[in-house]
Amino acid sequence: MIIMLNGAFGVGKTTVAKELHNTMKDTMLYDPEEVGFMLRSIITEDIKFPEERTDNFQDLKLWKQLVVQVAEQLRYRYNKHLIVPMTIYNKDYYHYIYEGFKNIDKETYHFCLIAEESTIHERLRLRGEKEGNWCYQQTSMCVTAFQEAEFALRIKTDGKSIDEIANVKECEIDA
């Protein structure tokens, strides 16, 4: 099984992923940001293609390909269910990764954690982010993007505990 936890930066994906990892058997956490950090340190500006010259490592063509390939290797090598927290609002990238994950494991599920901008900003502040930084700047775009049909199975996290969010049956789901 692969569980994708999507949502804006600061909405609670990683915290929920860790809770699921602690309560579910035979799981491992896989954060595709690590793939992005690796690529960002390897692929310098002078060798990037024009369409890759953005402030988002997800725009590196290799990123989405490697996200799927690494998931495949982790799944087959360690035979664990993957819990994947990620912020992915680009529909094309989302479809590529989701379909790639489905090819690895038919039991692939996507949940999009959502919250009001004020909630997200408060959570960013509490985790030590500087107000106005890159994560803050992405909030409005993410909140809007995650209302699209591709990101159905939305779990509202405002005013919910981690236990309530991780136990989907107790949460309000907007499908």
N, C-alpha and C. Protein backbone atom coordinates (compact mmCIF):
# COMPACT_ATOMS: atom_id res chain seq x y z
N MET A 1 0.85 -1.17 0.00
CA MET A 1 0.00 0.00 0.00
C MET A 1 0.90 1.24 0.00
N ILE A 2 0.44 2.26 -0.71
CA ILE A 2 1.11 3.56 -0.70
C ILE A 2 0.05 4.60 -0.31
N ILE A 3 0.35 5.37 0.72
CA ILE A 3 -0.55 6.43 1.17
C ILE A 3 0.13 7.77 0.90
N MET A 4 -0.46 8.54 0.00
CA MET A 4 0.03 9.88 -0.30
C MET A 4 -0.73 10.87 0.58
N LEU A 5 0.01 11.69 1.31
CA LEU A 5 -0.58 12.76 2.12
C LEU A 5 -0.15 14.08 1.50
N ASN A 6 -1.06 14.73 0.85
CA ASN A 6 -0.78 15.95 0.12
C ASN A 6 -1.35 17.14 0.89
N GLY A 7 -0.90 18.33 0.57
CA GLY A 7 -1.44 19.53 1.18
C GLY A 7 -0.40 20.63 1.24
N ALA A 8 -0.84 21.80 1.61
CA ALA A 8 0.04 22.97 1.69
C ALA A 8 1.15 22.75 2.71
N PHE A 9 2.22 23.50 2.54
CA PHE A 9 3.31 23.48 3.52
C PHE A 9 2.74 23.96 4.85
N GLY A 10 2.93 23.16 5.90
CA GLY A 10 2.46 23.55 7.22
C GLY A 10 1.08 23.04 7.59
N VAL A 11 0.43 22.30 6.70
CA VAL A 11 -0.93 21.82 6.99
C VAL A 11 -0.93 20.63 7.95
N GLY A 12 0.21 19.95 8.09
CA GLY A 12 0.30 18.83 9.03
C GLY A 12 0.62 17.49 8.40
N LYS A 13 1.05 17.46 7.16
CA LYS A 13 1.30 16.20 6.46
C LYS A 13 2.34 15.32 7.17
N THR A 14 3.47 15.90 7.48
CA THR A 14 4.55 15.12 8.09
C THR A 14 4.17 14.63 9.47
N THR A 15 3.49 15.46 10.23
CA THR A 15 3.04 15.05 11.57
C THR A 15 2.05 13.89 11.47
N VAL A 16 1.10 13.98 10.55
CA VAL A 16 0.14 12.89 10.35
C VAL A 16 0.85 11.65 9.83
N ALA A 17 1.80 11.84 8.91
CA ALA A 17 2.55 10.69 8.37
C ALA A 17 3.29 9.95 9.48
N LYS A 18 3.90 10.71 10.39
CA LYS A 18 4.61 10.07 11.51
C LYS A 18 3.65 9.32 12.42
N GLU A 19 2.47 9.88 12.65
CA GLU A 19 1.47 9.20 13.47
C GLU A 19 1.01 7.91 12.80
N LEU A 20 0.75 7.96 11.50
CA LEU A 20 0.36 6.75 10.78
C LEU A 20 1.46 5.70 10.84
N HIS A 21 2.69 6.15 10.66
CA HIS A 21 3.85 5.24 10.72
C HIS A 21 3.94 4.56 12.09
N ASN A 22 3.65 5.32 13.13
CA ASN A 22 3.72 4.76 14.49
C ASN A 22 2.57 3.83 14.82
N THR A 23 1.45 3.96 14.12
CA THR A 23 0.27 3.16 14.46
C THR A 23 -0.03 2.05 13.46
N MET A 24 0.59 2.08 12.29
CA MET A 24 0.35 1.05 11.28
C MET A 24 1.56 0.12 11.22
N LYS A 25 1.30 -1.14 10.94
CA LYS A 25 2.37 -2.13 10.84
C LYS A 25 3.01 -2.07 9.45
N ASP A 26 4.26 -2.46 9.42
CA ASP A 26 5.01 -2.64 8.17
C ASP A 26 4.99 -1.42 7.26
N THR A 27 5.26 -0.24 7.84
CA THR A 27 5.30 0.99 7.05
C THR A 27 6.67 1.64 7.13
N MET A 28 6.94 2.49 6.18
CA MET A 28 8.11 3.35 6.24
C MET A 28 7.73 4.71 5.65
N LEU A 29 8.37 5.75 6.15
CA LEU A 29 8.13 7.10 5.65
C LEU A 29 9.04 7.34 4.45
N TYR A 30 8.48 7.96 3.44
CA TYR A 30 9.25 8.33 2.25
C TYR A 30 8.88 9.76 1.89
N ASP A 31 9.81 10.66 2.08
CA ASP A 31 9.56 12.08 1.80
C ASP A 31 10.25 12.48 0.50
N PRO A 32 9.48 12.72 -0.57
CA PRO A 32 10.06 13.09 -1.86
C PRO A 32 10.82 14.42 -1.84
N GLU A 33 10.66 15.22 -0.78
CA GLU A 33 11.48 16.43 -0.67
C GLU A 33 12.95 16.07 -0.64
N GLU A 34 13.28 14.93 -0.04
CA GLU A 34 14.69 14.51 0.02
C GLU A 34 15.26 14.32 -1.37
N VAL A 35 14.46 13.79 -2.29
CA VAL A 35 14.88 13.64 -3.68
C VAL A 35 15.13 15.03 -4.28
N GLY A 36 14.24 15.96 -3.99
CA GLY A 36 14.39 17.33 -4.49
C GLY A 36 15.64 18.00 -3.94
N PHE A 37 15.91 17.83 -2.65
CA PHE A 37 17.10 18.43 -2.05
C PHE A 37 18.37 17.87 -2.71
N MET A 38 18.37 16.56 -2.96
CA MET A 38 19.51 15.93 -3.61
C MET A 38 19.72 16.53 -5.00
N LEU A 39 18.64 16.59 -5.78
CA LEU A 39 18.76 17.11 -7.15
C LEU A 39 19.19 18.58 -7.14
N ARG A 40 18.65 19.35 -6.22
CA ARG A 40 19.00 20.77 -6.16
C ARG A 40 20.50 20.95 -5.89
N SER A 41 21.11 20.04 -5.13
CA SER A 41 22.54 20.17 -4.86
C SER A 41 23.40 19.64 -6.01
N ILE A 42 22.84 18.80 -6.85
CA ILE A 42 23.59 18.21 -7.96
C ILE A 42 23.45 19.03 -9.24
N ILE A 43 22.22 19.47 -9.53
CA ILE A 43 21.94 20.15 -10.80
C ILE A 43 22.07 21.66 -10.59
N THR A 44 23.18 22.19 -11.02
CA THR A 44 23.45 23.61 -10.84
C THR A 44 22.70 24.43 -11.88
N GLU A 45 22.55 25.72 -11.60
CA GLU A 45 21.80 26.63 -12.49
C GLU A 45 22.33 26.58 -13.92
N ASP A 46 23.63 26.48 -14.08
CA ASP A 46 24.21 26.54 -15.42
C ASP A 46 23.89 25.32 -16.28
N ILE A 47 23.45 24.22 -15.68
CA ILE A 47 23.11 23.05 -16.50
C ILE A 47 21.60 22.79 -16.56
N LYS A 48 20.84 23.55 -15.81
CA LYS A 48 19.37 23.38 -15.86
C LYS A 48 18.85 23.79 -17.24
N PHE A 49 17.80 23.11 -17.66
CA PHE A 49 17.09 23.51 -18.85
C PHE A 49 16.26 24.75 -18.51
N PRO A 50 15.93 25.58 -19.51
CA PRO A 50 15.19 26.82 -19.23
C PRO A 50 13.92 26.61 -18.39
N GLU A 51 13.15 25.58 -18.68
CA GLU A 51 11.90 25.34 -17.94
C GLU A 51 12.15 24.87 -16.50
N GLU A 52 13.39 24.50 -16.20
CA GLU A 52 13.74 24.06 -14.85
C GLU A 52 14.28 25.20 -13.98
N ARG A 53 14.47 26.36 -14.56
CA ARG A 53 15.05 27.49 -13.82
C ARG A 53 13.97 28.25 -13.05
N THR A 54 13.47 27.58 -12.01
CA THR A 54 12.46 28.16 -11.14
C THR A 54 12.94 28.01 -9.70
N ASP A 55 12.14 28.45 -8.76
CA ASP A 55 12.50 28.31 -7.35
C ASP A 55 11.93 27.03 -6.74
N ASN A 56 11.49 26.10 -7.60
CA ASN A 56 10.83 24.88 -7.13
C ASN A 56 11.52 23.66 -7.74
N PHE A 57 12.15 22.82 -6.90
CA PHE A 57 12.85 21.65 -7.43
C PHE A 57 11.91 20.67 -8.12
N GLN A 58 10.60 20.77 -7.87
CA GLN A 58 9.66 19.89 -8.57
C GLN A 58 9.65 20.15 -10.07
N ASP A 59 10.15 21.31 -10.49
CA ASP A 59 10.22 21.63 -11.91
C ASP A 59 11.41 20.97 -12.60
N LEU A 60 12.29 20.36 -11.83
CA LEU A 60 13.36 19.56 -12.44
C LEU A 60 12.73 18.28 -12.97
N LYS A 61 12.86 18.04 -14.26
CA LYS A 61 12.20 16.90 -14.88
C LYS A 61 12.53 15.58 -14.17
N LEU A 62 13.76 15.45 -13.73
CA LEU A 62 14.17 14.23 -13.04
C LEU A 62 13.44 14.02 -11.72
N TRP A 63 12.95 15.10 -11.11
CA TRP A 63 12.35 14.96 -9.78
C TRP A 63 11.19 13.97 -9.79
N LYS A 64 10.20 14.20 -10.62
CA LYS A 64 9.02 13.33 -10.59
C LYS A 64 9.38 11.90 -11.01
N GLN A 65 10.32 11.76 -11.95
CA GLN A 65 10.74 10.43 -12.37
C GLN A 65 11.43 9.69 -11.23
N LEU A 66 12.34 10.38 -10.55
CA LEU A 66 13.05 9.75 -9.44
C LEU A 66 12.15 9.48 -8.25
N VAL A 67 11.16 10.35 -8.01
CA VAL A 67 10.22 10.11 -6.91
C VAL A 67 9.56 8.75 -7.09
N VAL A 68 9.12 8.46 -8.30
CA VAL A 68 8.47 7.18 -8.58
C VAL A 68 9.49 6.04 -8.51
N GLN A 69 10.66 6.23 -9.10
CA GLN A 69 11.66 5.16 -9.11
C GLN A 69 12.15 4.82 -7.70
N VAL A 70 12.36 5.82 -6.89
CA VAL A 70 12.79 5.57 -5.51
C VAL A 70 11.68 4.84 -4.74
N ALA A 71 10.44 5.26 -4.93
CA ALA A 71 9.32 4.57 -4.28
C ALA A 71 9.29 3.10 -4.69
N GLU A 72 9.48 2.86 -5.96
CA GLU A 72 9.47 1.47 -6.45
C GLU A 72 10.58 0.66 -5.78
N GLN A 73 11.78 1.22 -5.72
CA GLN A 73 12.89 0.50 -5.10
C GLN A 73 12.67 0.28 -3.61
N LEU A 74 12.17 1.29 -2.92
CA LEU A 74 11.88 1.14 -1.49
C LEU A 74 10.84 0.05 -1.25
N ARG A 75 9.80 0.08 -2.06
CA ARG A 75 8.68 -0.87 -1.91
C ARG A 75 9.16 -2.30 -2.12
N TYR A 76 9.92 -2.51 -3.18
CA TYR A 76 10.36 -3.87 -3.50
C TYR A 76 11.51 -4.34 -2.62
N ARG A 77 12.41 -3.48 -2.30
CA ARG A 77 13.57 -3.87 -1.50
C ARG A 77 13.20 -4.18 -0.06
N TYR A 78 12.35 -3.32 0.54
CA TYR A 78 12.06 -3.47 1.96
C TYR A 78 10.68 -4.05 2.24
N ASN A 79 9.85 -4.19 1.23
CA ASN A 79 8.52 -4.79 1.36
C ASN A 79 7.71 -4.14 2.48
N LYS A 80 7.74 -2.82 2.52
CA LYS A 80 6.97 -2.06 3.51
C LYS A 80 5.96 -1.18 2.77
N HIS A 81 4.87 -0.88 3.45
CA HIS A 81 3.92 0.10 2.91
C HIS A 81 4.58 1.48 3.02
N LEU A 82 4.35 2.32 2.03
CA LEU A 82 4.95 3.65 2.02
C LEU A 82 3.94 4.70 2.46
N ILE A 83 4.38 5.58 3.33
CA ILE A 83 3.59 6.75 3.72
C ILE A 83 4.37 7.95 3.18
N VAL A 84 3.73 8.70 2.28
CA VAL A 84 4.43 9.71 1.49
C VAL A 84 3.82 11.10 1.72
N PRO A 85 4.40 11.90 2.62
CA PRO A 85 3.93 13.28 2.77
C PRO A 85 4.57 14.16 1.70
N MET A 86 3.75 14.93 1.00
CA MET A 86 4.30 15.79 -0.05
C MET A 86 3.34 16.91 -0.39
N THR A 87 3.90 18.02 -0.81
CA THR A 87 3.08 19.12 -1.34
C THR A 87 3.24 19.08 -2.85
N ILE A 88 2.19 18.67 -3.52
CA ILE A 88 2.25 18.60 -4.98
C ILE A 88 0.94 19.14 -5.55
N TYR A 89 0.99 20.37 -6.04
CA TYR A 89 -0.20 21.05 -6.53
C TYR A 89 -0.24 21.13 -8.05
N ASN A 90 0.89 20.88 -8.71
CA ASN A 90 0.90 20.86 -10.17
C ASN A 90 0.19 19.59 -10.64
N LYS A 91 -0.90 19.76 -11.37
CA LYS A 91 -1.74 18.62 -11.77
C LYS A 91 -0.98 17.59 -12.59
N ASP A 92 -0.13 18.06 -13.51
CA ASP A 92 0.62 17.12 -14.35
C ASP A 92 1.59 16.30 -13.51
N TYR A 93 2.29 16.95 -12.59
CA TYR A 93 3.22 16.23 -11.73
C TYR A 93 2.46 15.26 -10.84
N TYR A 94 1.34 15.71 -10.31
CA TYR A 94 0.52 14.86 -9.45
C TYR A 94 0.10 13.59 -10.20
N HIS A 95 -0.45 13.76 -11.41
CA HIS A 95 -0.91 12.60 -12.19
C HIS A 95 0.24 11.65 -12.50
N TYR A 96 1.39 12.20 -12.86
CA TYR A 96 2.55 11.36 -13.17
C TYR A 96 2.92 10.51 -11.96
N ILE A 97 3.03 11.15 -10.80
CA ILE A 97 3.44 10.43 -9.59
C ILE A 97 2.35 9.47 -9.11
N TYR A 98 1.12 9.92 -9.10
CA TYR A 98 0.03 9.06 -8.65
C TYR A 98 -0.07 7.81 -9.53
N GLU A 99 -0.04 7.99 -10.84
CA GLU A 99 -0.11 6.84 -11.76
C GLU A 99 1.13 5.95 -11.60
N GLY A 100 2.28 6.57 -11.40
CA GLY A 100 3.50 5.79 -11.17
C GLY A 100 3.39 4.96 -9.90
N PHE A 101 2.86 5.56 -8.84
CA PHE A 101 2.66 4.81 -7.60
C PHE A 101 1.64 3.69 -7.80
N LYS A 102 0.57 3.96 -8.55
CA LYS A 102 -0.45 2.92 -8.81
C LYS A 102 0.15 1.75 -9.57
N ASN A 103 1.12 2.01 -10.45
CA ASN A 103 1.79 0.93 -11.17
C ASN A 103 2.66 0.10 -10.23
N ILE A 104 3.15 0.71 -9.19
CA ILE A 104 3.96 0.01 -8.18
C ILE A 104 3.05 -0.81 -7.27
N ASP A 105 1.95 -0.20 -6.85
CA ASP A 105 1.04 -0.84 -5.90
C ASP A 105 -0.38 -0.36 -6.20
N LYS A 106 -1.23 -1.28 -6.58
CA LYS A 106 -2.64 -0.93 -6.91
C LYS A 106 -3.33 -0.28 -5.72
N GLU A 107 -2.89 -0.63 -4.52
CA GLU A 107 -3.46 -0.03 -3.31
C GLU A 107 -2.74 1.28 -3.00
N THR A 108 -2.94 2.27 -3.85
CA THR A 108 -2.37 3.60 -3.64
C THR A 108 -3.52 4.54 -3.34
N TYR A 109 -3.38 5.28 -2.27
CA TYR A 109 -4.43 6.19 -1.83
C TYR A 109 -3.86 7.60 -1.70
N HIS A 110 -4.66 8.56 -2.11
CA HIS A 110 -4.25 9.97 -2.03
C HIS A 110 -5.24 10.72 -1.15
N PHE A 111 -4.72 11.39 -0.13
CA PHE A 111 -5.53 12.24 0.73
C PHE A 111 -4.91 13.63 0.70
N CYS A 112 -5.74 14.63 0.62
CA CYS A 112 -5.27 16.00 0.61
C CYS A 112 -5.71 16.68 1.90
N LEU A 113 -4.75 17.03 2.74
CA LEU A 113 -5.05 17.73 3.98
C LEU A 113 -5.24 19.21 3.66
N ILE A 114 -6.34 19.76 4.13
CA ILE A 114 -6.61 21.17 3.88
C ILE A 114 -6.91 21.90 5.18
N ALA A 115 -6.70 23.21 5.16
CA ALA A 115 -7.01 24.06 6.31
C ALA A 115 -7.13 25.49 5.79
N GLU A 116 -7.68 26.34 6.62
CA GLU A 116 -7.75 27.76 6.30
C GLU A 116 -6.33 28.34 6.28
N GLU A 117 -6.15 29.38 5.48
CA GLU A 117 -4.83 30.03 5.40
C GLU A 117 -4.32 30.45 6.77
N SER A 118 -5.21 30.99 7.59
CA SER A 118 -4.79 31.46 8.92
C SER A 118 -4.27 30.29 9.77
N THR A 119 -4.90 29.12 9.66
CA THR A 119 -4.45 27.93 10.39
C THR A 119 -3.08 27.51 9.89
N ILE A 120 -2.91 27.47 8.58
CA ILE A 120 -1.63 27.07 8.00
C ILE A 120 -0.53 28.03 8.42
N HIS A 121 -0.80 29.33 8.35
CA HIS A 121 0.21 30.31 8.74
C HIS A 121 0.59 30.17 10.21
N GLU A 122 -0.37 29.89 11.06
CA GLU A 122 -0.08 29.70 12.48
C GLU A 122 0.79 28.46 12.68
N ARG A 123 0.49 27.39 11.96
CA ARG A 123 1.30 26.16 12.07
C ARG A 123 2.71 26.40 11.55
N LEU A 124 2.85 27.15 10.47
CA LEU A 124 4.19 27.48 9.96
C LEU A 124 4.97 28.27 11.00
N ARG A 125 4.29 29.24 11.62
CA ARG A 125 4.94 30.06 12.65
C ARG A 125 5.39 29.18 13.82
N LEU A 126 4.52 28.26 14.25
CA LEU A 126 4.83 27.39 15.39
C LEU A 126 5.99 26.44 15.10
N ARG A 127 6.18 26.10 13.84
CA ARG A 127 7.31 25.21 13.52
C ARG A 127 8.59 25.99 13.24
N GLY A 128 8.52 27.31 13.40
CA GLY A 128 9.73 28.12 13.32
C GLY A 128 10.01 28.76 11.97
N GLU A 129 9.06 28.71 11.06
CA GLU A 129 9.26 29.35 9.76
C GLU A 129 9.21 30.86 9.91
N LYS A 130 10.02 31.56 9.14
CA LYS A 130 9.99 33.03 9.14
C LYS A 130 8.81 33.50 8.33
N GLU A 131 8.04 34.39 8.92
CA GLU A 131 6.87 34.92 8.22
C GLU A 131 7.30 35.56 6.89
N GLY A 132 6.59 35.19 5.84
CA GLY A 132 6.88 35.72 4.51
C GLY A 132 7.85 34.88 3.71
N ASN A 133 8.39 33.79 4.30
CA ASN A 133 9.34 32.97 3.55
C ASN A 133 8.62 32.18 2.44
N TRP A 134 9.36 31.33 1.75
CA TRP A 134 8.86 30.60 0.59
C TRP A 134 7.60 29.80 0.94
N CYS A 135 7.60 29.11 2.07
CA CYS A 135 6.44 28.29 2.47
C CYS A 135 5.19 29.16 2.63
N TYR A 136 5.34 30.30 3.29
CA TYR A 136 4.22 31.23 3.45
C TYR A 136 3.71 31.70 2.09
N GLN A 137 4.65 31.99 1.20
CA GLN A 137 4.29 32.51 -0.11
C GLN A 137 3.49 31.51 -0.94
N GLN A 138 3.62 30.23 -0.65
CA GLN A 138 2.93 29.18 -1.42
C GLN A 138 1.51 28.91 -0.91
N THR A 139 1.19 29.40 0.29
CA THR A 139 -0.07 29.03 0.95
C THR A 139 -1.30 29.33 0.11
N SER A 140 -1.46 30.54 -0.34
CA SER A 140 -2.66 30.92 -1.08
C SER A 140 -2.82 30.08 -2.35
N MET A 141 -1.72 29.89 -3.08
CA MET A 141 -1.77 29.09 -4.30
C MET A 141 -2.16 27.64 -3.97
N CYS A 142 -1.61 27.09 -2.90
CA CYS A 142 -1.93 25.71 -2.52
C CYS A 142 -3.40 25.58 -2.12
N VAL A 143 -3.87 26.49 -1.28
CA VAL A 143 -5.27 26.44 -0.83
C VAL A 143 -6.21 26.45 -2.03
N THR A 144 -5.92 27.29 -3.02
CA THR A 144 -6.75 27.35 -4.23
C THR A 144 -6.61 26.08 -5.06
N ALA A 145 -5.37 25.65 -5.30
CA ALA A 145 -5.13 24.47 -6.15
C ALA A 145 -5.78 23.22 -5.58
N PHE A 146 -5.76 23.07 -4.27
CA PHE A 146 -6.26 21.84 -3.67
C PHE A 146 -7.79 21.76 -3.62
N GLN A 147 -8.46 22.74 -4.19
CA GLN A 147 -9.92 22.66 -4.35
C GLN A 147 -10.29 21.98 -5.66
N GLU A 148 -9.31 21.74 -6.53
CA GLU A 148 -9.56 21.09 -7.82
C GLU A 148 -9.92 19.62 -7.62
N ALA A 149 -10.65 19.07 -8.59
CA ALA A 149 -11.16 17.70 -8.50
C ALA A 149 -10.05 16.66 -8.34
N GLU A 150 -8.88 16.90 -8.92
CA GLU A 150 -7.78 15.94 -8.81
C GLU A 150 -7.41 15.66 -7.36
N PHE A 151 -7.63 16.63 -6.53
CA PHE A 151 -7.19 16.51 -5.15
C PHE A 151 -8.34 16.17 -4.21
N ALA A 152 -9.29 15.41 -4.74
CA ALA A 152 -10.44 14.98 -3.94
C ALA A 152 -9.96 14.07 -2.80
N LEU A 153 -10.86 13.75 -1.95
CA LEU A 153 -10.59 13.13 -0.65
C LEU A 153 -9.77 14.09 0.18
N ARG A 154 -10.37 15.24 0.42
CA ARG A 154 -9.76 16.28 1.23
C ARG A 154 -10.17 16.07 2.69
N ILE A 155 -9.20 16.19 3.55
CA ILE A 155 -9.44 16.06 4.98
C ILE A 155 -9.20 17.42 5.62
N LYS A 156 -10.24 17.98 6.22
CA LYS A 156 -10.13 19.28 6.87
C LYS A 156 -9.42 19.10 8.21
N THR A 157 -8.37 19.89 8.40
CA THR A 157 -7.55 19.71 9.61
C THR A 157 -7.71 20.83 10.62
N ASP A 158 -8.45 21.89 10.28
CA ASP A 158 -8.65 22.99 11.23
C ASP A 158 -9.27 22.46 12.53
N GLY A 159 -8.64 22.77 13.65
CA GLY A 159 -9.21 22.41 14.95
C GLY A 159 -9.23 20.93 15.25
N LYS A 160 -8.50 20.13 14.48
CA LYS A 160 -8.47 18.68 14.69
C LYS A 160 -7.13 18.27 15.31
N SER A 161 -7.19 17.26 16.15
CA SER A 161 -5.95 16.70 16.72
C SER A 161 -5.32 15.78 15.67
N ILE A 162 -4.05 15.47 15.88
CA ILE A 162 -3.36 14.55 14.98
C ILE A 162 -4.06 13.20 14.97
N ASP A 163 -4.50 12.72 16.14
CA ASP A 163 -5.21 11.44 16.21
C ASP A 163 -6.47 11.47 15.36
N GLU A 164 -7.22 12.56 15.43
CA GLU A 164 -8.46 12.67 14.65
C GLU A 164 -8.17 12.69 13.15
N ILE A 165 -7.11 13.38 12.76
CA ILE A 165 -6.76 13.45 11.34
C ILE A 165 -6.27 12.09 10.85
N ALA A 166 -5.43 11.45 11.63
CA ALA A 166 -4.88 10.16 11.23
C ALA A 166 -5.95 9.07 11.18
N ASN A 167 -7.01 9.21 11.96
CA ASN A 167 -8.12 8.26 11.94
C ASN A 167 -9.20 8.83 11.03
N VAL A 168 -9.06 8.56 9.74
CA VAL A 168 -9.92 9.17 8.72
C VAL A 168 -11.40 9.02 9.01
N LYS A 169 -11.79 7.93 9.65
CA LYS A 169 -13.21 7.70 9.92
C LYS A 169 -13.81 8.79 10.81
N GLU A 170 -12.96 9.41 11.64
CA GLU A 170 -13.45 10.44 12.56
C GLU A 170 -13.40 11.83 11.93
N CYS A 171 -12.79 11.96 10.78
CA CYS A 171 -12.61 13.27 10.16
C CYS A 171 -13.71 13.58 9.16
N GLU A 172 -13.86 14.86 8.94
CA GLU A 172 -14.78 15.33 7.90
C GLU A 172 -14.02 15.27 6.58
N ILE A 173 -14.50 14.43 5.66
CA ILE A 173 -13.85 14.26 4.37
C ILE A 173 -14.74 14.92 3.30
N ASP A 174 -14.09 15.70 2.46
CA ASP A 174 -14.74 16.37 1.35
C ASP A 174 -14.33 15.66 0.08
N ALA A 175 -15.17 14.78 -0.43
CA ALA A 175 -14.80 14.01 -1.62
C ALA A 175 -15.42 14.55 -2.87
